[in-house]
Amino acid sequence: MATTAEARLKRIAMRSWRRGTREMDLILGGFADRHLGDLSEGELSLYEDLLEEMDQDLYDWASGRTETPERFQQLMDKIRSNDR
């Protein structure tokens, strides 16, 4: 079981660093490196859903250009606060 959880975290970290844009690599990759191990199971699942979104949308949410969908709001707040 620990191996499966570890493999999941590694897969999520890789997906965080290998986005389509360098900006999102840095934002999500840095967040993943520092905080993936601290996220609850529910937050990890939500983060995996977030990784399915398009980089342009993610960047707009992270930069505050557009409003983050309510389901991702708390998680995006964590990601933004990590960046400061």
C-alpha atoms as a PDB file:
ATOM      1  CA  MET A   1       0.000   0.000   0.000  1.00  0.00           C
ATOM      2  CA  ALA A   2       2.799   2.456   0.834  1.00  0.00           C
ATOM      3  CA  THR A   3       4.349   1.782  -2.565  1.00  0.00           C
ATOM      4  CA  THR A   4       1.068   2.588  -4.293  1.00  0.00           C
ATOM      5  CA  ALA A   5       0.704   5.847  -2.343  1.00  0.00           C
ATOM      6  CA  GLU A   6       4.328   6.722  -3.057  1.00  0.00           C
ATOM      7  CA  ALA A   7       3.885   5.961  -6.763  1.00  0.00           C
ATOM      8  CA  ARG A   8       0.770   8.138  -6.844  1.00  0.00           C
ATOM      9  CA  LEU A   9       2.637  11.074  -5.295  1.00  0.00           C
ATOM     10  CA  LYS A  10       5.499  10.649  -7.763  1.00  0.00           C
ATOM     11  CA  ARG A  11       3.070  10.550 -10.680  1.00  0.00           C
ATOM     12  CA  ILE A  12       1.287  13.676  -9.450  1.00  0.00           C
ATOM     13  CA  ALA A  13       4.600  15.478  -8.936  1.00  0.00           C
ATOM     14  CA  MET A  14       5.711  14.596 -12.461  1.00  0.00           C
ATOM     15  CA  ARG A  15       2.417  15.844 -13.898  1.00  0.00           C
ATOM     16  CA  SER A  16       2.868  19.052 -11.907  1.00  0.00           C
ATOM     17  CA  TRP A  17       6.326  19.669 -13.397  1.00  0.00           C
ATOM     18  CA  ARG A  18       5.530  18.556 -16.938  1.00  0.00           C
ATOM     19  CA  ARG A  19       2.754  20.906 -17.921  1.00  0.00           C
ATOM     20  CA  GLY A  20       2.403  22.678 -21.251  1.00  0.00           C
ATOM     21  CA  THR A  21       3.803  26.004 -20.118  1.00  0.00           C
ATOM     22  CA  ARG A  22       6.869  26.908 -18.116  1.00  0.00           C
ATOM     23  CA  GLU A  23       4.854  29.219 -15.872  1.00  0.00           C
ATOM     24  CA  MET A  24       2.586  26.406 -14.733  1.00  0.00           C
ATOM     25  CA  ASP A  25       5.566  24.044 -14.383  1.00  0.00           C
ATOM     26  CA  LEU A  26       7.043  26.474 -11.882  1.00  0.00           C
ATOM     27  CA  ILE A  27       3.812  27.219 -10.038  1.00  0.00           C
ATOM     28  CA  LEU A  28       2.464  23.679  -9.767  1.00  0.00           C
ATOM     29  CA  GLY A  29       5.819  21.909  -9.656  1.00  0.00           C
ATOM     30  CA  GLY A  30       7.047  24.069  -6.797  1.00  0.00           C
ATOM     31  CA  PHE A  31       3.789  23.576  -4.931  1.00  0.00           C
ATOM     32  CA  ALA A  32       3.938  19.812  -5.462  1.00  0.00           C
ATOM     33  CA  ASP A  33       7.535  19.578  -4.248  1.00  0.00           C
ATOM     34  CA  ARG A  34       6.699  21.407  -1.044  1.00  0.00           C
ATOM     35  CA  HIS A  35       3.164  20.296  -0.220  1.00  0.00           C
ATOM     36  CA  LEU A  36       1.968  17.075  -1.848  1.00  0.00           C
ATOM     37  CA  GLY A  37       2.828  15.038   1.236  1.00  0.00           C
ATOM     38  CA  ASP A  38       0.768  17.392   3.409  1.00  0.00           C
ATOM     39  CA  LEU A  39      -2.461  17.150   1.401  1.00  0.00           C
ATOM     40  CA  SER A  40      -5.361  15.030   2.610  1.00  0.00           C
ATOM     41  CA  GLU A  41      -6.736  12.256   0.411  1.00  0.00           C
ATOM     42  CA  GLY A  42      -9.578  14.528  -0.669  1.00  0.00           C
ATOM     43  CA  GLU A  43      -7.196  17.370  -1.487  1.00  0.00           C
ATOM     44  CA  LEU A  44      -4.962  15.016  -3.484  1.00  0.00           C
ATOM     45  CA  SER A  45      -7.938  13.832  -5.524  1.00  0.00           C
ATOM     46  CA  LEU A  46      -9.005  17.413  -6.119  1.00  0.00           C
ATOM     47  CA  TYR A  47      -5.438  18.352  -7.088  1.00  0.00           C
ATOM     48  CA  GLU A  48      -5.434  15.497  -9.620  1.00  0.00           C
ATOM     49  CA  ASP A  49      -8.672  16.934 -11.048  1.00  0.00           C
ATOM     50  CA  LEU A  50      -7.047  20.367 -11.164  1.00  0.00           C
ATOM     51  CA  LEU A  51      -4.160  18.918 -13.188  1.00  0.00           C
ATOM     52  CA  GLU A  52      -6.679  17.936 -15.877  1.00  0.00           C
ATOM     53  CA  GLU A  53      -7.513  21.594 -16.517  1.00  0.00           C
ATOM     54  CA  MET A  54      -5.906  23.570 -19.335  1.00  0.00           C
ATOM     55  CA  ASP A  55      -2.757  25.512 -18.471  1.00  0.00           C
ATOM     56  CA  GLN A  56      -4.178  28.820 -19.686  1.00  0.00           C
ATOM     57  CA  ASP A  57      -7.159  28.465 -17.352  1.00  0.00           C
ATOM     58  CA  LEU A  58      -4.894  27.444 -14.474  1.00  0.00           C
ATOM     59  CA  TYR A  59      -2.613  30.413 -15.077  1.00  0.00           C
ATOM     60  CA  ASP A  60      -5.566  32.797 -15.207  1.00  0.00           C
ATOM     61  CA  TRP A  61      -6.853  31.408 -11.887  1.00  0.00           C
ATOM     62  CA  ALA A  62      -3.419  31.472 -10.246  1.00  0.00           C
ATOM     63  CA  SER A  63      -2.731  35.033 -11.384  1.00  0.00           C
ATOM     64  CA  GLY A  64      -6.193  36.267 -10.421  1.00  0.00           C
ATOM     65  CA  ARG A  65      -7.065  37.223 -14.003  1.00  0.00           C
ATOM     66  CA  THR A  66     -10.257  35.196 -13.858  1.00  0.00           C
ATOM     67  CA  GLU A  67     -12.286  33.787 -11.020  1.00  0.00           C
ATOM     68  CA  THR A  68     -11.351  30.296  -9.912  1.00  0.00           C
ATOM     69  CA  PRO A  69     -14.235  27.806 -10.051  1.00  0.00           C
ATOM     70  CA  GLU A  70     -15.651  27.315  -6.576  1.00  0.00           C
ATOM     71  CA  ARG A  71     -14.648  23.646  -6.405  1.00  0.00           C
ATOM     72  CA  PHE A  72     -10.969  24.582  -6.811  1.00  0.00           C
ATOM     73  CA  GLN A  73     -11.005  27.825  -4.807  1.00  0.00           C
ATOM     74  CA  GLN A  74      -9.479  26.579  -1.532  1.00  0.00           C
ATOM     75  CA  LEU A  75      -6.845  24.552  -3.324  1.00  0.00           C
ATOM     76  CA  MET A  76      -5.923  27.457  -5.604  1.00  0.00           C
ATOM     77  CA  ASP A  77      -5.670  29.695  -2.517  1.00  0.00           C
ATOM     78  CA  LYS A  78      -3.122  27.222  -1.102  1.00  0.00           C
ATOM     79  CA  ILE A  79      -1.208  27.202  -4.367  1.00  0.00           C
ATOM     80  CA  ARG A  80      -1.180  31.008  -4.525  1.00  0.00           C
ATOM     81  CA  SER A  81      -0.048  31.384  -0.914  1.00  0.00           C
ATOM     82  CA  ASN A  82       2.795  28.944  -1.614  1.00  0.00           C
ATOM     83  CA  ASP A  83       4.040  31.253  -4.350  1.00  0.00           C
ATOM     84  CA  ARG A  84       4.614  34.205  -2.014  1.00  0.00           C
END
